[in-house]
Amino acid sequence: MAKPKIFQFKSRGIKKVKLEQRLKDFIEAPAEPPMGLIHGQEPDSQEEWRVALALNRLGLNYYYQFSVGGGRFTKGGQVVDFWVMTVPLPTPLFVQGEYWHSGTKAAETKLKLAQIQRIFNGQCNTPVEIWDYEIPTVDAAYQVVKARLA
């Protein structure tokens, strides 16, 4: 009776994985919390979620998706991502994605920021923009929000 052949992988050329290093990398990498709701609403982006976590960590009160001039449903209306209750005046905070708010859309974005200032006529701070590439992590979002709203 013939012995069955057992397939064996070649051992030459295979690199050994250093398990300790991979475990160390896994343990040291800070886990980003999964996206949840912001004031009962689904966030529009991961970046908005990170900014909300930063605002919460800083202990700042805010309104999420604050409608101005009728919001999305009225011509000329718009939605402010975060209306942050800073002292002495509130600060409109926009989380801008490079894809949607640069290039040909940049002029429209600037017009909307100017419109906010015109509508509130000194009753709010200058609108703050935070770009998606500035906040790749929750910690980066915390640092940027803290610096811009200080």
C-alpha atoms as a PDB file:
ATOM      1  CA  MET A   1       0.000   0.000   0.000  1.00  0.00           C
ATOM      2  CA  ALA A   2       1.421   3.384  -1.050  1.00  0.00           C
ATOM      3  CA  LYS A   3       1.659   6.259   1.348  1.00  0.00           C
ATOM      4  CA  PRO A   4      -0.512   9.269   0.415  1.00  0.00           C
ATOM      5  CA  LYS A   5       1.488  12.326  -0.641  1.00  0.00           C
ATOM      6  CA  ILE A   6       1.313  15.254   1.737  1.00  0.00           C
ATOM      7  CA  PHE A   7       1.615  18.686   0.224  1.00  0.00           C
ATOM      8  CA  GLN A   8       4.207  20.825   1.952  1.00  0.00           C
ATOM      9  CA  PHE A   9       4.784  24.527   1.351  1.00  0.00           C
ATOM     10  CA  LYS A  10       8.275  25.638   0.523  1.00  0.00           C
ATOM     11  CA  SER A  11       9.921  27.236   3.500  1.00  0.00           C
ATOM     12  CA  ARG A  12      12.464  29.118   1.471  1.00  0.00           C
ATOM     13  CA  GLY A  13      11.604  32.782   0.853  1.00  0.00           C
ATOM     14  CA  ILE A  14       8.918  33.003   3.523  1.00  0.00           C
ATOM     15  CA  LYS A  15       9.586  35.717   6.059  1.00  0.00           C
ATOM     16  CA  LYS A  16       8.791  35.042   9.659  1.00  0.00           C
ATOM     17  CA  VAL A  17       6.372  37.528  11.140  1.00  0.00           C
ATOM     18  CA  LYS A  18       7.466  38.996  14.393  1.00  0.00           C
ATOM     19  CA  LEU A  19       4.356  38.446  16.450  1.00  0.00           C
ATOM     20  CA  GLU A  20       5.501  40.654  19.299  1.00  0.00           C
ATOM     21  CA  GLN A  21       5.928  43.672  16.998  1.00  0.00           C
ATOM     22  CA  ARG A  22       2.509  43.170  15.400  1.00  0.00           C
ATOM     23  CA  LEU A  23       0.862  42.896  18.817  1.00  0.00           C
ATOM     24  CA  LYS A  24       2.672  46.023  19.991  1.00  0.00           C
ATOM     25  CA  ASP A  25       1.492  47.960  16.923  1.00  0.00           C
ATOM     26  CA  PHE A  26      -2.075  46.755  17.470  1.00  0.00           C
ATOM     27  CA  ILE A  27      -2.130  47.610  21.172  1.00  0.00           C
ATOM     28  CA  GLU A  28      -0.532  51.054  20.772  1.00  0.00           C
ATOM     29  CA  ALA A  29      -2.770  52.169  17.897  1.00  0.00           C
ATOM     30  CA  PRO A  30      -5.543  54.254  19.454  1.00  0.00           C
ATOM     31  CA  ALA A  31      -8.940  53.000  18.400  1.00  0.00           C
ATOM     32  CA  GLU A  32     -11.305  55.607  17.040  1.00  0.00           C
ATOM     33  CA  PRO A  33     -14.761  55.295  18.540  1.00  0.00           C
ATOM     34  CA  PRO A  34     -17.412  54.070  16.104  1.00  0.00           C
ATOM     35  CA  MET A  35     -19.646  56.735  14.612  1.00  0.00           C
ATOM     36  CA  GLY A  36     -22.811  57.382  16.535  1.00  0.00           C
ATOM     37  CA  LEU A  37     -25.495  60.019  16.586  1.00  0.00           C
ATOM     38  CA  ILE A  38     -24.874  63.727  17.121  1.00  0.00           C
ATOM     39  CA  HIS A  39     -27.785  65.188  19.088  1.00  0.00           C
ATOM     40  CA  GLY A  40     -30.011  62.426  17.735  1.00  0.00           C
ATOM     41  CA  GLN A  41     -28.972  62.905  14.090  1.00  0.00           C
ATOM     42  CA  GLU A  42     -26.823  60.782  11.817  1.00  0.00           C
ATOM     43  CA  PRO A  43     -23.575  62.679  11.062  1.00  0.00           C
ATOM     44  CA  ASP A  44     -22.948  63.589   7.422  1.00  0.00           C
ATOM     45  CA  SER A  45     -19.295  62.548   7.628  1.00  0.00           C
ATOM     46  CA  GLN A  46     -16.602  60.991   9.793  1.00  0.00           C
ATOM     47  CA  GLU A  47     -15.054  64.461  10.113  1.00  0.00           C
ATOM     48  CA  GLU A  48     -18.255  65.917  11.586  1.00  0.00           C
ATOM     49  CA  TRP A  49     -18.290  63.034  14.072  1.00  0.00           C
ATOM     50  CA  ARG A  50     -14.699  63.822  15.084  1.00  0.00           C
ATOM     51  CA  VAL A  51     -15.524  67.521  15.551  1.00  0.00           C
ATOM     52  CA  ALA A  52     -18.551  66.621  17.693  1.00  0.00           C
ATOM     53  CA  LEU A  53     -16.348  64.425  19.894  1.00  0.00           C
ATOM     54  CA  ALA A  54     -13.850  67.294  20.204  1.00  0.00           C
ATOM     55  CA  LEU A  55     -16.577  69.783  21.158  1.00  0.00           C
ATOM     56  CA  ASN A  56     -17.918  67.340  23.747  1.00  0.00           C
ATOM     57  CA  ARG A  57     -14.424  66.813  25.171  1.00  0.00           C
ATOM     58  CA  LEU A  58     -13.930  70.597  25.419  1.00  0.00           C
ATOM     59  CA  GLY A  59     -17.263  70.893  27.221  1.00  0.00           C
ATOM     60  CA  LEU A  60     -18.708  73.315  24.651  1.00  0.00           C
ATOM     61  CA  ASN A  61     -22.449  73.433  24.060  1.00  0.00           C
ATOM     62  CA  TYR A  62     -23.533  73.442  20.426  1.00  0.00           C
ATOM     63  CA  TYR A  63     -26.392  72.914  18.020  1.00  0.00           C
ATOM     64  CA  TYR A  64     -25.801  70.422  15.232  1.00  0.00           C
ATOM     65  CA  GLN A  65     -27.124  71.178  11.711  1.00  0.00           C
ATOM     66  CA  PHE A  66     -28.375  74.646  12.686  1.00  0.00           C
ATOM     67  CA  SER A  67     -30.780  76.028  10.025  1.00  0.00           C
ATOM     68  CA  VAL A  68     -30.332  79.622   8.877  1.00  0.00           C
ATOM     69  CA  GLY A  69     -32.796  81.411   6.610  1.00  0.00           C
ATOM     70  CA  GLY A  70     -35.031  78.368   6.222  1.00  0.00           C
ATOM     71  CA  GLY A  71     -32.241  75.840   5.923  1.00  0.00           C
ATOM     72  CA  ARG A  72     -32.027  73.428   3.004  1.00  0.00           C
ATOM     73  CA  PHE A  73     -35.676  73.862   2.087  1.00  0.00           C
ATOM     74  CA  THR A  74     -35.629  77.579   1.313  1.00  0.00           C
ATOM     75  CA  LYS A  75     -33.856  79.326  -1.517  1.00  0.00           C
ATOM     76  CA  GLY A  76     -30.957  81.241   0.013  1.00  0.00           C
ATOM     77  CA  GLY A  77     -31.161  79.236   3.237  1.00  0.00           C
ATOM     78  CA  GLN A  78     -28.334  77.113   4.541  1.00  0.00           C
ATOM     79  CA  VAL A  79     -27.334  74.779   7.338  1.00  0.00           C
ATOM     80  CA  VAL A  80     -24.447  75.504   9.702  1.00  0.00           C
ATOM     81  CA  ASP A  81     -22.718  72.267  10.714  1.00  0.00           C
ATOM     82  CA  PHE A  82     -22.165  73.368  14.333  1.00  0.00           C
ATOM     83  CA  TRP A  83     -23.501  76.480  16.043  1.00  0.00           C
ATOM     84  CA  VAL A  84     -21.106  76.580  19.005  1.00  0.00           C
ATOM     85  CA  MET A  85     -22.168  78.520  22.089  1.00  0.00           C
ATOM     86  CA  THR A  86     -18.916  80.389  22.719  1.00  0.00           C
ATOM     87  CA  VAL A  87     -18.715  83.433  25.005  1.00  0.00           C
ATOM     88  CA  PRO A  88     -19.665  86.223  24.451  1.00  0.00           C
ATOM     89  CA  LEU A  89     -21.043  85.383  20.978  1.00  0.00           C
ATOM     90  CA  PRO A  90     -21.840  82.065  19.313  1.00  0.00           C
ATOM     91  CA  THR A  91     -19.504  80.779  16.598  1.00  0.00           C
ATOM     92  CA  PRO A  92     -20.719  79.123  13.389  1.00  0.00           C
ATOM     93  CA  LEU A  93     -18.410  76.199  12.637  1.00  0.00           C
ATOM     94  CA  PHE A  94     -18.304  74.520   9.239  1.00  0.00           C
ATOM     95  CA  VAL A  95     -16.641  71.173   8.551  1.00  0.00           C
ATOM     96  CA  GLN A  96     -15.605  71.416   4.909  1.00  0.00           C
ATOM     97  CA  GLY A  97     -14.685  68.539   2.653  1.00  0.00           C
ATOM     98  CA  GLU A  98     -12.120  69.310  -0.010  1.00  0.00           C
ATOM     99  CA  TYR A  99     -14.180  67.466  -2.615  1.00  0.00           C
ATOM    100  CA  TRP A 100     -17.372  69.505  -2.076  1.00  0.00           C
ATOM    101  CA  HIS A 101     -16.009  72.907  -1.047  1.00  0.00           C
ATOM    102  CA  SER A 102     -12.964  73.577  -3.219  1.00  0.00           C
ATOM    103  CA  GLY A 103     -12.424  74.207  -6.909  1.00  0.00           C
ATOM    104  CA  THR A 104     -15.563  75.556  -8.588  1.00  0.00           C
ATOM    105  CA  LYS A 105     -17.555  75.306  -5.337  1.00  0.00           C
ATOM    106  CA  ALA A 106     -15.077  77.480  -3.400  1.00  0.00           C
ATOM    107  CA  ALA A 107     -16.763  80.743  -4.442  1.00  0.00           C
ATOM    108  CA  GLU A 108     -20.171  79.438  -3.354  1.00  0.00           C
ATOM    109  CA  THR A 109     -18.720  78.382  -0.007  1.00  0.00           C
ATOM    110  CA  LYS A 110     -17.179  81.830   0.584  1.00  0.00           C
ATOM    111  CA  LEU A 111     -20.496  83.453  -0.349  1.00  0.00           C
ATOM    112  CA  LYS A 112     -22.326  81.330   2.222  1.00  0.00           C
ATOM    113  CA  LEU A 113     -19.827  82.284   4.932  1.00  0.00           C
ATOM    114  CA  ALA A 114     -20.285  85.965   4.087  1.00  0.00           C
ATOM    115  CA  GLN A 115     -24.060  85.503   4.097  1.00  0.00           C
ATOM    116  CA  ILE A 116     -23.929  84.140   7.656  1.00  0.00           C
ATOM    117  CA  GLN A 117     -22.059  87.255   8.801  1.00  0.00           C
ATOM    118  CA  ARG A 118     -24.512  89.518   6.964  1.00  0.00           C
ATOM    119  CA  ILE A 119     -27.600  87.780   8.403  1.00  0.00           C
ATOM    120  CA  PHE A 120     -26.359  87.878  11.992  1.00  0.00           C
ATOM    121  CA  ASN A 121     -24.843  91.377  11.643  1.00  0.00           C
ATOM    122  CA  GLY A 122     -22.417  91.277  14.566  1.00  0.00           C
ATOM    123  CA  GLN A 123     -24.511  88.871  16.653  1.00  0.00           C
ATOM    124  CA  CYS A 124     -22.091  85.973  16.075  1.00  0.00           C
ATOM    125  CA  ASN A 125     -18.356  85.491  15.703  1.00  0.00           C
ATOM    126  CA  THR A 126     -16.693  85.117  12.323  1.00  0.00           C
ATOM    127  CA  PRO A 127     -17.509  81.666  10.906  1.00  0.00           C
ATOM    128  CA  VAL A 128     -14.806  79.044  11.420  1.00  0.00           C
ATOM    129  CA  GLU A 129     -13.917  76.495   8.747  1.00  0.00           C
ATOM    130  CA  ILE A 130     -12.263  73.177   9.527  1.00  0.00           C
ATOM    131  CA  TRP A 131     -11.116  71.162   6.524  1.00  0.00           C
ATOM    132  CA  ASP A 132     -11.326  67.388   6.338  1.00  0.00           C
ATOM    133  CA  TYR A 133      -7.579  66.977   5.733  1.00  0.00           C
ATOM    134  CA  GLU A 134      -6.842  68.834   9.004  1.00  0.00           C
ATOM    135  CA  ILE A 135      -8.637  66.285  11.161  1.00  0.00           C
ATOM    136  CA  PRO A 136      -7.615  62.726  10.206  1.00  0.00           C
ATOM    137  CA  THR A 137      -8.092  61.548  13.810  1.00  0.00           C
ATOM    138  CA  VAL A 138     -10.153  62.441  16.876  1.00  0.00           C
ATOM    139  CA  ASP A 139      -7.045  63.803  18.619  1.00  0.00           C
ATOM    140  CA  ALA A 140      -6.238  66.018  15.627  1.00  0.00           C
ATOM    141  CA  ALA A 141      -9.829  67.278  15.626  1.00  0.00           C
ATOM    142  CA  TYR A 142      -9.536  68.102  19.324  1.00  0.00           C
ATOM    143  CA  GLN A 143      -6.359  70.117  18.745  1.00  0.00           C
ATOM    144  CA  VAL A 144      -7.788  72.008  15.750  1.00  0.00           C
ATOM    145  CA  VAL A 145     -11.121  72.795  17.434  1.00  0.00           C
ATOM    146  CA  LYS A 146      -9.362  73.917  20.600  1.00  0.00           C
ATOM    147  CA  ALA A 147      -7.037  76.211  18.624  1.00  0.00           C
ATOM    148  CA  ARG A 148      -9.793  77.715  16.430  1.00  0.00           C
ATOM    149  CA  LEU A 149     -12.327  78.330  19.193  1.00  0.00           C
ATOM    150  CA  ALA A 150      -9.907  79.547  21.872  1.00  0.00           C
END
